[in-house]
Amino acid sequence: MSTNAKDMPRREGAFEREPARRVFAAELRECRYQFKDGEDEKSPTFVLLPSGERSNRIFIVGTLTEKTRQGEQNIFYRGRVVDPTGTFFIMAGSYQPEAMQQLAKIETPAFVAVIGKPSLYQKPDGAWLVSVRVESITVVDKETRDLWVLDAAKHTLDRVDAYTKEPTPDILKAKEQYPTIDPSLFRKIAWDALAQIKM
């Protein structure tokens, strides 16, 4: 049942390669493993979620709390989008001109829906930074945000259930890459997120 829901975006023109995963900020920020699927230069790059699913692009909804314009010639925008579990760091630059224009026009604070590609960076001090390169960003209402929280919670709970029952190659890799993370943590995060919205 959950597989159908996750695969739905494959049939839409906007997502030619991979469906956009629904993931909470609290899980995304724990990502530490990124890989290419294939040898080709254009092979998609994935981050591996600690709950055991690969993600080439994600769909998030939250509050855009701040944005900053940076650069002189190569202008780009950075922003923070907050969901009930934490903060997503987003960016859009000259490689995403439409997304950059969309982000530039939005006044903070505002509920926004974002589709983008997650990327991992390790800083010189060893800390990890997970950011989302925006493909599209639109202003939405609170009801849309709340529905996304319901959807993200369902997908998170499905992933955690699969983690304990179905040893797929991605789940086995997640167990290897994130040995100290108990996936039941994400079950609690999902329920805590649900408790914060009032439908």
N, C-alpha and C. Protein backbone atom coordinates (compact mmCIF):
# COMPACT_ATOMS: atom_id res chain seq x y z
N MET A 1 0.83 -1.20 0.00
CA MET A 1 0.00 0.00 0.00
C MET A 1 0.86 1.25 0.00
N SER A 2 1.87 1.27 0.90
CA SER A 2 2.74 2.45 0.96
C SER A 2 3.56 2.60 -0.32
N THR A 3 3.88 1.47 -0.95
CA THR A 3 4.68 1.55 -2.16
C THR A 3 3.95 2.32 -3.24
N ASN A 4 2.66 2.10 -3.38
CA ASN A 4 1.88 2.82 -4.38
C ASN A 4 1.93 4.32 -4.13
N ALA A 5 1.78 4.69 -2.87
CA ALA A 5 1.80 6.11 -2.52
C ALA A 5 3.15 6.74 -2.86
N LYS A 6 4.23 6.00 -2.58
CA LYS A 6 5.56 6.54 -2.84
C LYS A 6 5.85 6.62 -4.33
N ASP A 7 5.26 5.70 -5.08
CA ASP A 7 5.56 5.66 -6.50
C ASP A 7 4.69 6.58 -7.34
N MET A 8 3.65 7.14 -6.73
CA MET A 8 2.74 7.98 -7.49
C MET A 8 3.45 9.08 -8.30
N PRO A 9 4.43 9.79 -7.70
CA PRO A 9 5.06 10.87 -8.47
C PRO A 9 5.77 10.41 -9.73
N ARG A 10 6.13 9.12 -9.83
CA ARG A 10 6.80 8.62 -11.03
C ARG A 10 5.95 8.85 -12.28
N ARG A 11 4.63 8.89 -12.10
CA ARG A 11 3.75 9.01 -13.25
C ARG A 11 3.52 10.46 -13.64
N GLU A 12 4.10 11.39 -12.87
CA GLU A 12 3.94 12.80 -13.19
C GLU A 12 5.18 13.28 -13.92
N GLY A 13 4.97 14.15 -14.90
CA GLY A 13 6.08 14.61 -15.73
C GLY A 13 7.19 15.29 -14.96
N ALA A 14 6.87 15.93 -13.81
CA ALA A 14 7.88 16.69 -13.08
C ALA A 14 8.95 15.80 -12.46
N PHE A 15 8.62 14.53 -12.21
CA PHE A 15 9.57 13.65 -11.54
C PHE A 15 9.92 12.51 -12.49
N GLU A 16 10.86 12.75 -13.39
CA GLU A 16 11.15 11.76 -14.40
C GLU A 16 11.91 10.57 -13.82
N ARG A 17 12.80 10.83 -12.88
CA ARG A 17 13.66 9.75 -12.40
C ARG A 17 13.17 9.12 -11.11
N GLU A 18 12.98 9.93 -10.12
CA GLU A 18 12.71 9.40 -8.78
C GLU A 18 11.55 10.12 -8.13
N PRO A 19 10.76 9.40 -7.33
CA PRO A 19 9.71 10.08 -6.58
C PRO A 19 10.31 10.97 -5.50
N ALA A 20 9.60 12.02 -5.14
CA ALA A 20 10.07 12.92 -4.08
C ALA A 20 9.64 12.35 -2.73
N ARG A 21 10.61 12.02 -1.90
CA ARG A 21 10.32 11.42 -0.59
C ARG A 21 9.79 12.47 0.38
N ARG A 22 8.86 12.05 1.20
CA ARG A 22 8.37 12.90 2.29
C ARG A 22 9.22 12.57 3.51
N VAL A 23 9.97 13.53 4.00
CA VAL A 23 10.87 13.26 5.12
C VAL A 23 10.90 14.47 6.05
N PHE A 24 10.91 14.19 7.35
CA PHE A 24 10.99 15.28 8.34
C PHE A 24 12.43 15.79 8.46
N ALA A 25 12.54 17.05 8.88
CA ALA A 25 13.86 17.67 9.06
C ALA A 25 14.71 16.88 10.04
N ALA A 26 14.10 16.36 11.09
CA ALA A 26 14.86 15.66 12.12
C ALA A 26 15.54 14.41 11.58
N GLU A 27 14.93 13.76 10.59
CA GLU A 27 15.59 12.59 9.98
C GLU A 27 16.61 13.03 8.94
N LEU A 28 16.25 14.00 8.11
CA LEU A 28 17.17 14.43 7.05
C LEU A 28 18.49 14.91 7.62
N ARG A 29 18.45 15.61 8.76
CA ARG A 29 19.69 16.16 9.30
C ARG A 29 20.62 15.07 9.84
N GLU A 30 20.12 13.84 10.00
CA GLU A 30 20.97 12.73 10.46
C GLU A 30 21.69 12.03 9.31
N CYS A 31 21.39 12.42 8.05
CA CYS A 31 22.01 11.76 6.90
C CYS A 31 23.52 12.00 6.88
N ARG A 32 24.26 10.93 6.60
CA ARG A 32 25.72 11.01 6.53
C ARG A 32 26.28 10.27 5.33
N TYR A 33 25.41 9.67 4.52
CA TYR A 33 25.89 8.81 3.44
C TYR A 33 25.23 9.21 2.12
N GLN A 34 26.07 9.52 1.13
CA GLN A 34 25.61 9.95 -0.18
C GLN A 34 26.31 9.10 -1.24
N PHE A 35 25.59 8.73 -2.28
CA PHE A 35 26.20 7.86 -3.29
C PHE A 35 25.56 8.08 -4.65
N LYS A 36 26.28 7.69 -5.69
CA LYS A 36 25.76 7.74 -7.06
C LYS A 36 25.25 6.36 -7.44
N ASP A 37 24.14 6.33 -8.17
CA ASP A 37 23.59 5.06 -8.62
C ASP A 37 23.97 4.88 -10.08
N GLY A 38 25.16 4.33 -10.32
CA GLY A 38 25.64 4.15 -11.69
C GLY A 38 26.96 4.87 -11.91
N GLU A 39 27.63 4.52 -13.00
CA GLU A 39 28.94 5.08 -13.31
C GLU A 39 28.86 6.32 -14.19
N ASP A 40 27.72 6.49 -14.85
CA ASP A 40 27.55 7.59 -15.80
C ASP A 40 27.61 8.94 -15.08
N GLU A 41 28.11 9.94 -15.80
CA GLU A 41 28.21 11.30 -15.23
C GLU A 41 26.83 11.83 -14.82
N LYS A 42 25.81 11.42 -15.56
CA LYS A 42 24.46 11.90 -15.27
C LYS A 42 23.68 10.98 -14.33
N SER A 43 24.35 9.96 -13.79
CA SER A 43 23.69 9.07 -12.85
C SER A 43 23.19 9.87 -11.65
N PRO A 44 22.00 9.55 -11.15
CA PRO A 44 21.47 10.31 -10.02
C PRO A 44 22.28 10.10 -8.74
N THR A 45 22.36 11.15 -7.94
CA THR A 45 23.02 11.07 -6.63
C THR A 45 21.94 10.95 -5.56
N PHE A 46 22.15 10.04 -4.63
CA PHE A 46 21.18 9.80 -3.56
C PHE A 46 21.81 10.07 -2.20
N VAL A 47 20.98 10.49 -1.25
CA VAL A 47 21.37 10.38 0.16
C VAL A 47 20.59 9.19 0.71
N LEU A 48 21.19 8.50 1.66
CA LEU A 48 20.53 7.36 2.29
C LEU A 48 19.93 7.82 3.61
N LEU A 49 18.61 7.75 3.71
CA LEU A 49 17.94 8.12 4.95
C LEU A 49 18.26 7.07 6.01
N PRO A 50 18.42 7.48 7.28
CA PRO A 50 18.72 6.52 8.33
C PRO A 50 17.64 5.45 8.50
N SER A 51 16.40 5.76 8.04
CA SER A 51 15.32 4.77 8.13
C SER A 51 15.38 3.76 6.99
N GLY A 52 16.40 3.87 6.12
CA GLY A 52 16.65 2.81 5.16
C GLY A 52 16.09 3.00 3.78
N GLU A 53 15.89 4.24 3.35
CA GLU A 53 15.41 4.48 1.99
C GLU A 53 16.30 5.53 1.31
N ARG A 54 16.62 5.29 0.04
CA ARG A 54 17.43 6.25 -0.71
C ARG A 54 16.54 7.41 -1.17
N SER A 55 17.14 8.58 -1.29
CA SER A 55 16.38 9.75 -1.69
C SER A 55 17.19 10.62 -2.64
N ASN A 56 16.66 10.79 -3.85
CA ASN A 56 17.29 11.65 -4.84
C ASN A 56 16.66 13.04 -4.81
N ARG A 57 15.39 13.10 -4.44
CA ARG A 57 14.72 14.39 -4.25
C ARG A 57 13.69 14.22 -3.15
N ILE A 58 13.38 15.35 -2.51
CA ILE A 58 12.44 15.30 -1.40
C ILE A 58 11.35 16.36 -1.58
N PHE A 59 10.24 16.12 -0.92
CA PHE A 59 9.11 17.05 -0.92
C PHE A 59 8.89 17.46 0.53
N ILE A 60 9.04 18.75 0.82
CA ILE A 60 8.88 19.23 2.19
C ILE A 60 7.91 20.41 2.22
N VAL A 61 7.22 20.57 3.34
CA VAL A 61 6.35 21.72 3.55
C VAL A 61 6.60 22.22 4.96
N GLY A 62 6.79 23.52 5.09
CA GLY A 62 7.04 24.10 6.40
C GLY A 62 6.99 25.61 6.32
N THR A 63 7.50 26.26 7.34
CA THR A 63 7.50 27.72 7.39
C THR A 63 8.86 28.25 6.95
N LEU A 64 8.86 29.06 5.89
CA LEU A 64 10.08 29.76 5.49
C LEU A 64 10.27 30.89 6.49
N THR A 65 11.24 30.72 7.39
CA THR A 65 11.41 31.69 8.48
C THR A 65 12.40 32.80 8.13
N GLU A 66 13.33 32.50 7.23
CA GLU A 66 14.29 33.53 6.82
C GLU A 66 14.89 33.16 5.47
N LYS A 67 15.36 34.17 4.77
CA LYS A 67 16.08 33.95 3.51
C LYS A 67 17.10 35.06 3.37
N THR A 68 18.22 34.74 2.72
CA THR A 68 19.25 35.74 2.49
C THR A 68 19.75 35.62 1.06
N ARG A 69 20.02 36.77 0.47
CA ARG A 69 20.62 36.81 -0.87
C ARG A 69 22.12 36.91 -0.69
N GLN A 70 22.87 36.10 -1.44
CA GLN A 70 24.32 36.10 -1.31
C GLN A 70 24.98 36.14 -2.68
N GLY A 71 26.20 36.62 -2.72
CA GLY A 71 26.95 36.68 -3.96
C GLY A 71 26.66 37.96 -4.74
N GLU A 72 27.60 38.34 -5.59
CA GLU A 72 27.44 39.53 -6.43
C GLU A 72 27.16 39.13 -7.88
N GLN A 73 28.11 38.40 -8.46
CA GLN A 73 27.90 37.95 -9.84
C GLN A 73 27.12 36.65 -9.88
N ASN A 74 27.56 35.69 -9.09
CA ASN A 74 26.81 34.43 -8.97
C ASN A 74 25.86 34.54 -7.78
N ILE A 75 24.71 35.11 -8.03
CA ILE A 75 23.74 35.34 -6.96
C ILE A 75 23.04 34.03 -6.61
N PHE A 76 22.87 33.80 -5.32
CA PHE A 76 22.04 32.68 -4.89
C PHE A 76 21.35 33.04 -3.58
N TYR A 77 20.32 32.30 -3.27
CA TYR A 77 19.56 32.53 -2.04
C TYR A 77 19.66 31.32 -1.13
N ARG A 78 19.80 31.61 0.13
CA ARG A 78 19.71 30.57 1.16
C ARG A 78 18.47 30.83 2.02
N GLY A 79 17.91 29.78 2.56
CA GLY A 79 16.75 29.97 3.42
C GLY A 79 16.63 28.86 4.44
N ARG A 80 15.75 29.08 5.41
CA ARG A 80 15.44 28.07 6.42
C ARG A 80 13.96 27.77 6.36
N VAL A 81 13.63 26.49 6.27
CA VAL A 81 12.24 26.05 6.30
C VAL A 81 12.07 25.15 7.53
N VAL A 82 11.12 25.52 8.37
CA VAL A 82 10.95 24.82 9.64
C VAL A 82 9.70 23.95 9.60
N ASP A 83 9.86 22.66 9.96
CA ASP A 83 8.69 21.79 10.14
C ASP A 83 8.57 21.48 11.63
N PRO A 84 7.61 20.66 12.07
CA PRO A 84 7.45 20.43 13.51
C PRO A 84 8.63 19.72 14.18
N THR A 85 9.61 19.24 13.38
CA THR A 85 10.72 18.48 13.96
C THR A 85 12.06 19.18 13.89
N GLY A 86 12.14 20.29 13.16
CA GLY A 86 13.43 20.96 13.02
C GLY A 86 13.50 21.84 11.78
N THR A 87 14.73 22.07 11.30
CA THR A 87 14.97 23.02 10.22
C THR A 87 15.61 22.37 9.01
N PHE A 88 15.08 22.70 7.83
CA PHE A 88 15.71 22.36 6.56
C PHE A 88 16.48 23.59 6.09
N PHE A 89 17.68 23.40 5.59
CA PHE A 89 18.44 24.49 4.98
C PHE A 89 18.29 24.35 3.47
N ILE A 90 17.76 25.40 2.84
CA ILE A 90 17.51 25.32 1.40
C ILE A 90 18.37 26.36 0.67
N MET A 91 18.61 26.11 -0.62
CA MET A 91 19.33 27.09 -1.42
C MET A 91 18.89 26.98 -2.88
N ALA A 92 18.96 28.11 -3.58
CA ALA A 92 18.65 28.15 -5.01
C ALA A 92 19.55 29.18 -5.65
N GLY A 93 20.18 28.79 -6.76
CA GLY A 93 21.11 29.70 -7.43
C GLY A 93 20.89 29.72 -8.92
N SER A 94 21.94 30.10 -9.65
CA SER A 94 21.82 30.29 -11.09
C SER A 94 21.51 29.00 -11.85
N TYR A 95 21.81 27.84 -11.22
CA TYR A 95 21.48 26.57 -11.87
C TYR A 95 19.99 26.25 -11.74
N GLN A 96 19.33 26.97 -10.84
CA GLN A 96 17.88 26.80 -10.65
C GLN A 96 17.23 28.18 -10.77
N PRO A 97 17.28 28.81 -11.97
CA PRO A 97 16.82 30.20 -12.09
C PRO A 97 15.35 30.41 -11.70
N GLU A 98 14.49 29.46 -12.09
CA GLU A 98 13.07 29.60 -11.74
C GLU A 98 12.88 29.52 -10.23
N ALA A 99 13.52 28.53 -9.62
CA ALA A 99 13.41 28.36 -8.18
C ALA A 99 13.97 29.58 -7.45
N MET A 100 15.08 30.13 -7.97
CA MET A 100 15.68 31.31 -7.34
C MET A 100 14.73 32.50 -7.42
N GLN A 101 14.07 32.68 -8.56
CA GLN A 101 13.11 33.78 -8.70
C GLN A 101 11.91 33.59 -7.77
N GLN A 102 11.45 32.33 -7.68
CA GLN A 102 10.32 32.03 -6.79
C GLN A 102 10.68 32.37 -5.34
N LEU A 103 11.87 31.91 -4.92
CA LEU A 103 12.31 32.15 -3.55
C LEU A 103 12.50 33.64 -3.28
N ALA A 104 13.04 34.35 -4.27
CA ALA A 104 13.30 35.78 -4.11
C ALA A 104 12.01 36.57 -3.83
N LYS A 105 10.90 36.10 -4.39
CA LYS A 105 9.64 36.84 -4.28
C LYS A 105 8.89 36.58 -2.97
N ILE A 106 9.21 35.51 -2.28
CA ILE A 106 8.43 35.14 -1.10
C ILE A 106 8.83 35.97 0.11
N GLU A 107 7.84 36.55 0.77
CA GLU A 107 8.07 37.30 2.00
C GLU A 107 7.99 36.35 3.19
N THR A 108 8.95 36.47 4.09
CA THR A 108 8.93 35.62 5.29
C THR A 108 8.15 36.32 6.41
N PRO A 109 7.54 35.56 7.33
CA PRO A 109 7.40 34.11 7.30
C PRO A 109 6.24 33.69 6.39
N ALA A 110 6.34 32.49 5.83
CA ALA A 110 5.27 31.98 4.97
C ALA A 110 5.36 30.46 4.93
N PHE A 111 4.20 29.81 4.87
CA PHE A 111 4.20 28.37 4.64
C PHE A 111 4.59 28.13 3.18
N VAL A 112 5.52 27.21 2.96
CA VAL A 112 5.96 26.92 1.60
C VAL A 112 6.03 25.41 1.36
N ALA A 113 5.81 25.03 0.11
CA ALA A 113 6.03 23.65 -0.34
C ALA A 113 7.26 23.66 -1.22
N VAL A 114 8.18 22.76 -0.95
CA VAL A 114 9.47 22.73 -1.65
C VAL A 114 9.74 21.34 -2.20
N ILE A 115 10.11 21.29 -3.47
CA ILE A 115 10.67 20.06 -4.03
C ILE A 115 12.13 20.37 -4.33
N GLY A 116 13.02 19.49 -3.90
CA GLY A 116 14.43 19.75 -4.12
C GLY A 116 15.29 18.52 -3.94
N LYS A 117 16.57 18.70 -4.19
CA LYS A 117 17.53 17.60 -4.09
C LYS A 117 18.39 17.77 -2.83
N PRO A 118 18.41 16.78 -1.96
CA PRO A 118 19.24 16.88 -0.76
C PRO A 118 20.71 16.64 -1.10
N SER A 119 21.60 17.37 -0.43
CA SER A 119 23.04 17.21 -0.61
C SER A 119 23.73 17.23 0.75
N LEU A 120 24.81 16.47 0.85
CA LEU A 120 25.58 16.41 2.09
C LEU A 120 26.93 17.10 1.91
N TYR A 121 27.31 17.84 2.92
CA TYR A 121 28.64 18.48 2.94
C TYR A 121 29.26 18.24 4.31
N GLN A 122 30.53 17.83 4.29
CA GLN A 122 31.24 17.69 5.56
C GLN A 122 32.15 18.89 5.74
N LYS A 123 31.96 19.59 6.85
CA LYS A 123 32.74 20.80 7.11
C LYS A 123 34.14 20.42 7.63
N PRO A 124 35.08 21.37 7.57
CA PRO A 124 36.44 21.06 8.03
C PRO A 124 36.51 20.52 9.46
N ASP A 125 35.55 20.95 10.30
CA ASP A 125 35.58 20.47 11.69
C ASP A 125 34.96 19.07 11.83
N GLY A 126 34.55 18.47 10.70
CA GLY A 126 33.99 17.12 10.75
C GLY A 126 32.48 17.08 10.84
N ALA A 127 31.87 18.21 11.15
CA ALA A 127 30.40 18.25 11.25
C ALA A 127 29.78 18.15 9.86
N TRP A 128 28.56 17.65 9.82
CA TRP A 128 27.87 17.48 8.55
C TRP A 128 26.79 18.53 8.38
N LEU A 129 26.63 18.97 7.14
CA LEU A 129 25.56 19.90 6.82
C LEU A 129 24.73 19.28 5.70
N VAL A 130 23.43 19.21 5.91
CA VAL A 130 22.53 18.69 4.89
C VAL A 130 21.73 19.87 4.36
N SER A 131 21.79 20.09 3.05
CA SER A 131 21.02 21.18 2.47
C SER A 131 20.15 20.64 1.33
N VAL A 132 19.17 21.44 0.94
CA VAL A 132 18.25 21.04 -0.13
C VAL A 132 18.36 22.07 -1.25
N ARG A 133 18.75 21.60 -2.43
CA ARG A 133 18.82 22.48 -3.60
C ARG A 133 17.42 22.54 -4.21
N VAL A 134 16.83 23.71 -4.19
CA VAL A 134 15.42 23.87 -4.55
C VAL A 134 15.20 23.71 -6.05
N GLU A 135 14.22 22.90 -6.42
CA GLU A 135 13.77 22.80 -7.80
C GLU A 135 12.52 23.65 -8.00
N SER A 136 11.65 23.65 -6.98
CA SER A 136 10.46 24.52 -7.01
C SER A 136 10.05 24.84 -5.58
N ILE A 137 9.52 26.05 -5.41
CA ILE A 137 9.04 26.48 -4.09
C ILE A 137 7.80 27.35 -4.29
N THR A 138 6.76 27.03 -3.56
CA THR A 138 5.50 27.78 -3.68
C THR A 138 4.91 28.06 -2.31
N VAL A 139 4.23 29.19 -2.19
CA VAL A 139 3.54 29.52 -0.94
C VAL A 139 2.28 28.66 -0.85
N VAL A 140 2.04 28.10 0.34
CA VAL A 140 0.84 27.29 0.57
C VAL A 140 0.16 27.77 1.85
N ASP A 141 -0.97 27.14 2.19
CA ASP A 141 -1.66 27.53 3.42
C ASP A 141 -1.38 26.53 4.55
N LYS A 142 -1.90 26.85 5.73
CA LYS A 142 -1.64 26.01 6.90
C LYS A 142 -2.23 24.61 6.73
N GLU A 143 -3.38 24.53 6.08
CA GLU A 143 -4.01 23.23 5.87
C GLU A 143 -3.10 22.32 5.04
N THR A 144 -2.47 22.88 4.01
CA THR A 144 -1.54 22.11 3.18
C THR A 144 -0.35 21.64 4.02
N ARG A 145 0.15 22.55 4.88
CA ARG A 145 1.26 22.16 5.76
C ARG A 145 0.83 21.00 6.67
N ASP A 146 -0.36 21.10 7.25
CA ASP A 146 -0.83 20.05 8.16
C ASP A 146 -1.02 18.72 7.42
N LEU A 147 -1.55 18.78 6.21
CA LEU A 147 -1.72 17.55 5.42
C LEU A 147 -0.36 16.93 5.09
N TRP A 148 0.64 17.79 4.84
CA TRP A 148 1.99 17.26 4.58
C TRP A 148 2.54 16.56 5.83
N VAL A 149 2.31 17.14 6.99
CA VAL A 149 2.78 16.51 8.23
C VAL A 149 2.16 15.11 8.37
N LEU A 150 0.86 15.00 8.08
CA LEU A 150 0.19 13.69 8.12
C LEU A 150 0.86 12.73 7.13
N ASP A 151 1.11 13.21 5.93
CA ASP A 151 1.70 12.40 4.88
C ASP A 151 3.13 11.99 5.23
N ALA A 152 3.92 12.95 5.69
CA ALA A 152 5.31 12.66 6.06
C ALA A 152 5.37 11.68 7.22
N ALA A 153 4.45 11.82 8.17
CA ALA A 153 4.41 10.90 9.31
C ALA A 153 4.09 9.48 8.83
N LYS A 154 3.13 9.36 7.93
CA LYS A 154 2.76 8.04 7.39
C LYS A 154 3.95 7.40 6.68
N HIS A 155 4.62 8.17 5.82
CA HIS A 155 5.77 7.63 5.10
C HIS A 155 6.91 7.25 6.05
N THR A 156 7.11 8.07 7.08
CA THR A 156 8.16 7.77 8.06
C THR A 156 7.84 6.48 8.81
N LEU A 157 6.60 6.34 9.25
CA LEU A 157 6.19 5.13 9.99
C LEU A 157 6.28 3.90 9.09
N ASP A 158 5.92 4.05 7.81
CA ASP A 158 6.06 2.93 6.87
C ASP A 158 7.52 2.52 6.71
N ARG A 159 8.41 3.52 6.62
CA ARG A 159 9.84 3.20 6.47
C ARG A 159 10.38 2.48 7.71
N VAL A 160 9.98 2.95 8.87
CA VAL A 160 10.45 2.33 10.12
C VAL A 160 9.94 0.89 10.23
N ASP A 161 8.67 0.68 9.84
CA ASP A 161 8.12 -0.68 9.86
C ASP A 161 8.88 -1.58 8.90
N ALA A 162 9.16 -1.07 7.69
CA ALA A 162 9.89 -1.86 6.70
C ALA A 162 11.30 -2.18 7.19
N TYR A 163 11.90 -1.23 7.90
CA TYR A 163 13.27 -1.37 8.41
C TYR A 163 13.40 -2.61 9.29
N THR A 164 12.35 -2.88 10.07
CA THR A 164 12.40 -4.01 11.01
C THR A 164 11.94 -5.33 10.37
N LYS A 165 11.34 -5.24 9.18
CA LYS A 165 10.76 -6.46 8.59
C LYS A 165 11.38 -6.89 7.27
N GLU A 166 11.81 -5.92 6.45
CA GLU A 166 12.25 -6.26 5.09
C GLU A 166 13.70 -5.82 4.87
N PRO A 167 14.65 -6.76 4.94
CA PRO A 167 16.06 -6.36 4.78
C PRO A 167 16.44 -6.10 3.31
N THR A 168 15.99 -4.97 2.76
CA THR A 168 16.36 -4.59 1.40
C THR A 168 17.83 -4.16 1.39
N PRO A 169 18.46 -4.07 0.22
CA PRO A 169 19.86 -3.60 0.17
C PRO A 169 20.04 -2.22 0.80
N ASP A 170 19.07 -1.31 0.61
CA ASP A 170 19.19 0.03 1.20
C ASP A 170 19.08 -0.02 2.72
N ILE A 171 18.20 -0.88 3.22
CA ILE A 171 18.05 -1.01 4.68
C ILE A 171 19.32 -1.61 5.29
N LEU A 172 19.88 -2.61 4.63
CA LEU A 172 21.13 -3.21 5.13
C LEU A 172 22.25 -2.18 5.12
N LYS A 173 22.30 -1.35 4.07
CA LYS A 173 23.32 -0.30 4.00
C LYS A 173 23.10 0.74 5.10
N ALA A 174 21.84 1.07 5.40
CA ALA A 174 21.54 2.03 6.46
C ALA A 174 21.98 1.48 7.82
N LYS A 175 21.78 0.19 8.04
CA LYS A 175 22.20 -0.42 9.31
C LYS A 175 23.72 -0.35 9.45
N GLU A 176 24.41 -0.47 8.30
CA GLU A 176 25.87 -0.41 8.29
C GLU A 176 26.37 1.02 8.49
N GLN A 177 25.71 1.99 7.83
CA GLN A 177 26.16 3.39 7.86
C GLN A 177 25.73 4.13 9.12
N TYR A 178 24.61 3.71 9.72
CA TYR A 178 24.07 4.41 10.90
C TYR A 178 23.91 3.44 12.07
N PRO A 179 25.01 2.81 12.50
CA PRO A 179 24.89 1.76 13.53
C PRO A 179 24.39 2.27 14.87
N THR A 180 24.57 3.57 15.13
CA THR A 180 24.18 4.08 16.45
C THR A 180 22.76 4.66 16.47
N ILE A 181 22.10 4.69 15.31
CA ILE A 181 20.76 5.28 15.26
C ILE A 181 19.70 4.20 15.38
N ASP A 182 18.84 4.34 16.36
CA ASP A 182 17.71 3.43 16.54
C ASP A 182 16.55 3.98 15.71
N PRO A 183 16.07 3.25 14.69
CA PRO A 183 15.01 3.78 13.84
C PRO A 183 13.71 4.08 14.58
N SER A 184 13.54 3.47 15.76
CA SER A 184 12.32 3.76 16.53
C SER A 184 12.28 5.23 16.96
N LEU A 185 13.45 5.89 16.94
CA LEU A 185 13.51 7.33 17.21
C LEU A 185 12.63 8.09 16.22
N PHE A 186 12.65 7.64 14.95
CA PHE A 186 11.87 8.34 13.92
C PHE A 186 10.37 8.08 14.06
N ARG A 187 10.03 6.94 14.67
CA ARG A 187 8.62 6.68 14.97
C ARG A 187 8.12 7.70 15.99
N LYS A 188 8.95 7.93 17.03
CA LYS A 188 8.58 8.92 18.05
C LYS A 188 8.49 10.32 17.44
N ILE A 189 9.46 10.65 16.58
CA ILE A 189 9.45 11.97 15.92
C ILE A 189 8.17 12.17 15.12
N ALA A 190 7.76 11.12 14.39
CA ALA A 190 6.53 11.21 13.58
C ALA A 190 5.31 11.46 14.47
N TRP A 191 5.21 10.70 15.57
CA TRP A 191 4.05 10.89 16.47
C TRP A 191 4.09 12.25 17.15
N ASP A 192 5.28 12.72 17.52
CA ASP A 192 5.40 14.04 18.13
C ASP A 192 4.98 15.14 17.14
N ALA A 193 5.35 14.95 15.85
CA ALA A 193 4.96 15.92 14.83
C ALA A 193 3.45 15.95 14.67
N LEU A 194 2.84 14.79 14.66
CA LEU A 194 1.37 14.71 14.53
C LEU A 194 0.68 15.41 15.70
N ALA A 195 1.28 15.27 16.88
CA ALA A 195 0.68 15.89 18.08
C ALA A 195 0.70 17.41 18.02
N GLN A 196 1.58 17.98 17.17
CA GLN A 196 1.69 19.43 17.11
C GLN A 196 0.72 20.09 16.14
N ILE A 197 0.06 19.26 15.30
CA ILE A 197 -0.89 19.88 14.36
C ILE A 197 -2.31 19.61 14.85
N LYS A 198 -3.17 20.56 14.57
CA LYS A 198 -4.57 20.42 14.97
C LYS A 198 -5.41 20.45 13.70
N MET A 199 -5.88 19.27 13.32
CA MET A 199 -6.68 19.18 12.09
C MET A 199 -8.14 19.52 12.38
